[in-house]
Protein backbone atom coordinates (compact mmCIF):
# COMPACT_ATOMS: atom_id res chain seq x y z
CA MET A 1 148.77 9.46 89.55
CA GLN A 2 148.68 13.18 90.26
CA ARG A 3 146.61 14.06 87.21
CA PRO A 4 143.41 12.35 88.41
CA ILE A 5 143.79 13.98 91.84
CA LEU A 6 144.46 17.38 90.28
CA ALA A 7 141.54 16.99 87.86
CA SER A 8 139.13 16.02 90.64
CA GLY A 9 140.37 18.95 92.75
CA VAL A 10 139.75 21.37 89.88
CA ALA A 11 136.29 19.88 89.29
CA ALA A 12 135.42 20.20 93.00
CA PHE A 13 136.64 23.81 93.08
CA THR A 14 134.64 24.66 89.94
CA LEU A 15 131.49 23.07 91.40
CA ALA A 16 131.95 24.93 94.70
CA LEU A 17 132.45 28.21 92.86
CA ALA A 18 129.38 27.67 90.68
CA SER A 19 127.26 26.70 93.71
CA GLY A 20 128.37 29.79 95.60
CA ILE A 21 127.48 32.05 92.70
CA SER A 22 124.05 30.52 92.12
CA ALA A 23 123.20 30.67 95.83
CA GLN A 24 123.67 34.43 95.98
CA PRO A 25 120.39 36.32 96.36
CA MET A 26 119.14 38.39 93.47
CA PRO A 27 119.39 42.15 93.95
CA ALA A 28 116.27 43.73 95.37
CA GLN A 29 114.02 45.45 92.86
CA THR A 30 114.29 49.20 93.29
CA TYR A 31 111.58 51.80 92.81
CA PRO A 32 110.44 53.68 90.85
CA PHE A 33 110.54 50.88 88.28
CA LYS A 34 109.52 51.66 84.71
CA ALA A 35 107.72 48.76 83.07
CA GLY A 36 106.44 49.73 79.66
CA PRO A 37 103.54 52.17 79.94
CA VAL A 38 103.50 51.87 83.74
CA THR A 39 105.88 53.09 86.44
CA VAL A 40 105.66 51.05 89.66
CA LEU A 41 106.27 53.34 92.64
CA SER A 42 106.13 50.64 95.33
CA CYS A 43 105.06 47.07 95.91
CA SER A 44 104.77 45.66 99.42
CA LEU A 45 103.02 43.16 101.67
CA GLY A 46 101.69 43.37 105.22
CA GLN A 47 102.43 40.97 108.05
CA ALA A 48 100.06 39.03 110.31
CA GLY A 49 102.14 37.13 112.87
CA ASN A 50 104.55 34.88 110.98
CA THR A 51 102.64 35.05 107.69
CA VAL A 52 101.57 37.51 105.04
CA ALA A 53 98.31 39.22 105.96
CA GLY A 54 95.31 38.73 103.68
CA ASN A 55 94.46 41.57 101.29
CA SER A 56 97.83 43.20 101.96
CA LEU A 57 99.64 43.22 98.60
CA GLU A 58 99.78 46.95 97.89
CA ILE A 59 100.94 48.19 94.50
CA LYS A 60 101.31 51.91 93.85
CA TYR A 61 101.87 52.86 90.21
CA PHE A 62 101.00 55.33 87.49
CA GLN A 63 100.52 55.33 83.74
CA ASN A 64 103.45 57.10 82.09
CA VAL A 65 102.03 57.47 78.57
CA PRO A 66 100.21 60.74 77.77
CA ARG A 67 97.01 61.00 75.71
CA ARG A 68 96.04 57.37 76.37
CA HIS A 69 94.01 55.59 79.03
CA LEU A 70 94.88 52.19 80.40
CA VAL A 71 91.97 49.91 81.26
CA SER A 72 93.85 46.86 82.55
CA VAL A 73 97.28 46.18 84.04
CA THR A 74 98.50 42.69 84.96
CA PHE A 75 101.40 42.31 87.40
CA ARG A 76 103.61 39.30 88.16
CA ILE A 77 104.68 39.01 91.78
CA ARG A 78 107.36 36.66 93.12
CA TYR A 79 107.54 36.36 96.89
CA ALA A 80 109.09 33.66 99.09
CA GLY A 81 109.38 31.22 96.18
CA GLN A 82 105.79 31.70 95.03
CA VAL A 83 104.76 33.40 91.78
CA THR A 84 101.33 34.91 91.29
CA THR A 85 99.66 37.40 88.97
CA VAL A 86 97.09 40.08 89.72
CA THR A 87 95.11 42.20 87.29
CA ASP A 88 93.90 45.70 88.03
CA ASN A 89 90.97 46.84 85.86
CA GLY A 90 89.62 50.38 85.63
CA THR A 91 90.14 53.59 83.70
CA PHE A 92 93.57 54.96 84.51
CA SER A 93 94.76 58.37 83.40
CA TYR A 94 98.22 59.63 82.56
CA ASP A 95 100.37 60.53 85.57
CA ALA A 96 97.63 59.80 88.15
CA THR A 97 98.82 57.61 91.03
CA ILE A 98 96.93 54.35 91.46
CA ASP A 99 97.13 52.68 94.88
CA HIS A 100 95.39 49.30 95.09
CA LYS A 101 95.51 46.31 97.42
CA PHE A 102 95.11 42.73 96.26
CA ASN A 103 94.07 39.63 98.19
CA VAL A 104 96.87 37.24 97.19
CA LEU A 105 99.71 35.50 99.06
CA GLY A 106 97.83 35.70 102.37
CA GLY A 107 99.08 32.98 104.73
CA THR A 108 102.44 32.68 102.95
CA PRO A 109 105.31 32.45 105.45
CA TRP A 110 106.60 35.97 106.14
CA ALA A 111 109.81 36.83 104.27
CA GLY A 112 109.79 40.60 104.72
CA PRO A 113 107.61 43.34 103.22
CA ASP A 114 109.14 43.40 99.73
CA PRO A 115 108.48 40.89 96.94
CA GLU A 116 111.57 39.81 94.99
CA VAL A 117 109.79 40.78 91.76
CA CYS A 118 106.82 43.05 91.05
CA ARG A 119 106.54 43.57 87.30
CA VAL A 120 104.04 44.44 84.64
CA VAL A 121 103.19 41.44 82.45
CA SER A 122 100.75 43.31 80.23
CA ALA A 123 98.93 46.62 79.99
CA THR A 124 95.85 47.18 77.84
CA PHE A 125 94.70 50.58 76.60
CA GLY A 126 91.09 51.62 76.04
CA ASP A 127 91.53 51.22 72.27
CA GLY A 128 92.31 47.53 72.79
CA LYS A 129 96.07 47.72 72.19
CA THR A 130 98.06 45.62 74.63
CA VAL A 131 101.69 46.17 75.55
CA THR A 132 103.80 43.35 77.01
CA PRO A 133 107.07 44.76 78.38
CA THR A 134 110.18 42.62 78.09
CA TYR A 135 112.97 42.45 80.63
CA PRO A 136 116.64 41.70 80.01
CA GLY A 137 117.61 38.09 80.57
CA ALA A 138 114.05 37.03 81.26
CA GLY A 139 113.52 35.15 78.01
CA SER A 140 109.88 36.15 77.76
CA PRO A 141 107.67 39.20 78.20
CA GLY A 142 107.05 39.90 81.86
CA GLY A 143 109.50 37.18 82.84
CA ASP A 144 111.44 37.48 86.05
CA ALA A 145 114.42 35.18 85.55
CA ALA A 146 116.98 37.97 85.72
CA GLY A 147 115.44 39.93 88.55
CA GLY A 148 117.19 43.05 87.34
CA PRO A 149 115.81 46.32 86.07
CA PRO A 150 113.89 46.52 82.81
CA ALA A 151 115.51 47.60 79.58
CA SER A 152 115.96 51.35 79.36
CA SER A 153 113.35 51.62 76.62
CA THR A 154 110.85 48.82 77.07
CA VAL A 155 108.12 50.30 74.89
CA PRO A 156 108.97 52.26 71.76
CA PRO A 157 107.01 55.53 71.51
CA TYR A 158 105.31 54.49 68.27
CA ALA A 159 103.71 51.55 70.07
CA THR A 160 101.88 53.67 72.62
CA GLN A 161 101.50 57.27 71.53
CA PRO A 162 99.18 58.48 68.77
CA GLY A 163 100.92 60.79 66.34
CA ALA A 164 104.39 59.48 67.23
CA PRO A 165 106.77 58.66 64.38
CA PRO A 166 106.28 55.26 62.75
CA PRO A 167 108.64 52.38 63.61
CA PRO A 168 111.91 52.18 61.72
CA ALA A 169 111.57 50.35 58.42
CA SER A 170 112.77 46.79 58.55
CA PRO A 171 114.79 45.51 55.66
CA GLY A 172 112.69 43.54 53.21
CA PRO A 173 113.68 40.29 51.61
CA ALA A 174 116.94 40.45 49.70
CA ALA A 175 116.55 40.94 45.96
CA THR A 176 117.85 38.10 43.85
């Protein structure tokens, strides 16, 4: 008779523990945040009463790859349970700060100035090459499931810099 009671008590404790862990908020994204060929310096929203102000998503970033010029950067933003993407087009130079505002999330209930996630989904260079940074635990490029920092080396140098060493050779098919 005690086994069913003990088993249900263990199951209830396990469920309570799992619920408590999953309910914990994700750590806030910290800046600067390297995301492939871009370093995000800050990402914030403005307030209008109890909602997000229109045209207030401000992203400050710079290209961190020398001798190349980005022409398009797409960001994924998660704020107050909503996910949106914005694309910034132009001609961006190495190490020059870009500070742009975007008209998204206006009218969303105010949840503070900082989005939970502000990440680069893709970055396209003038030569047409596109880089899609990956993030640990996200399962897909530009994903935000983990909410943590990007991998320490999200873009290998050979993918973005002319004259850099070629990628390491991958083993070919096994000889039979």
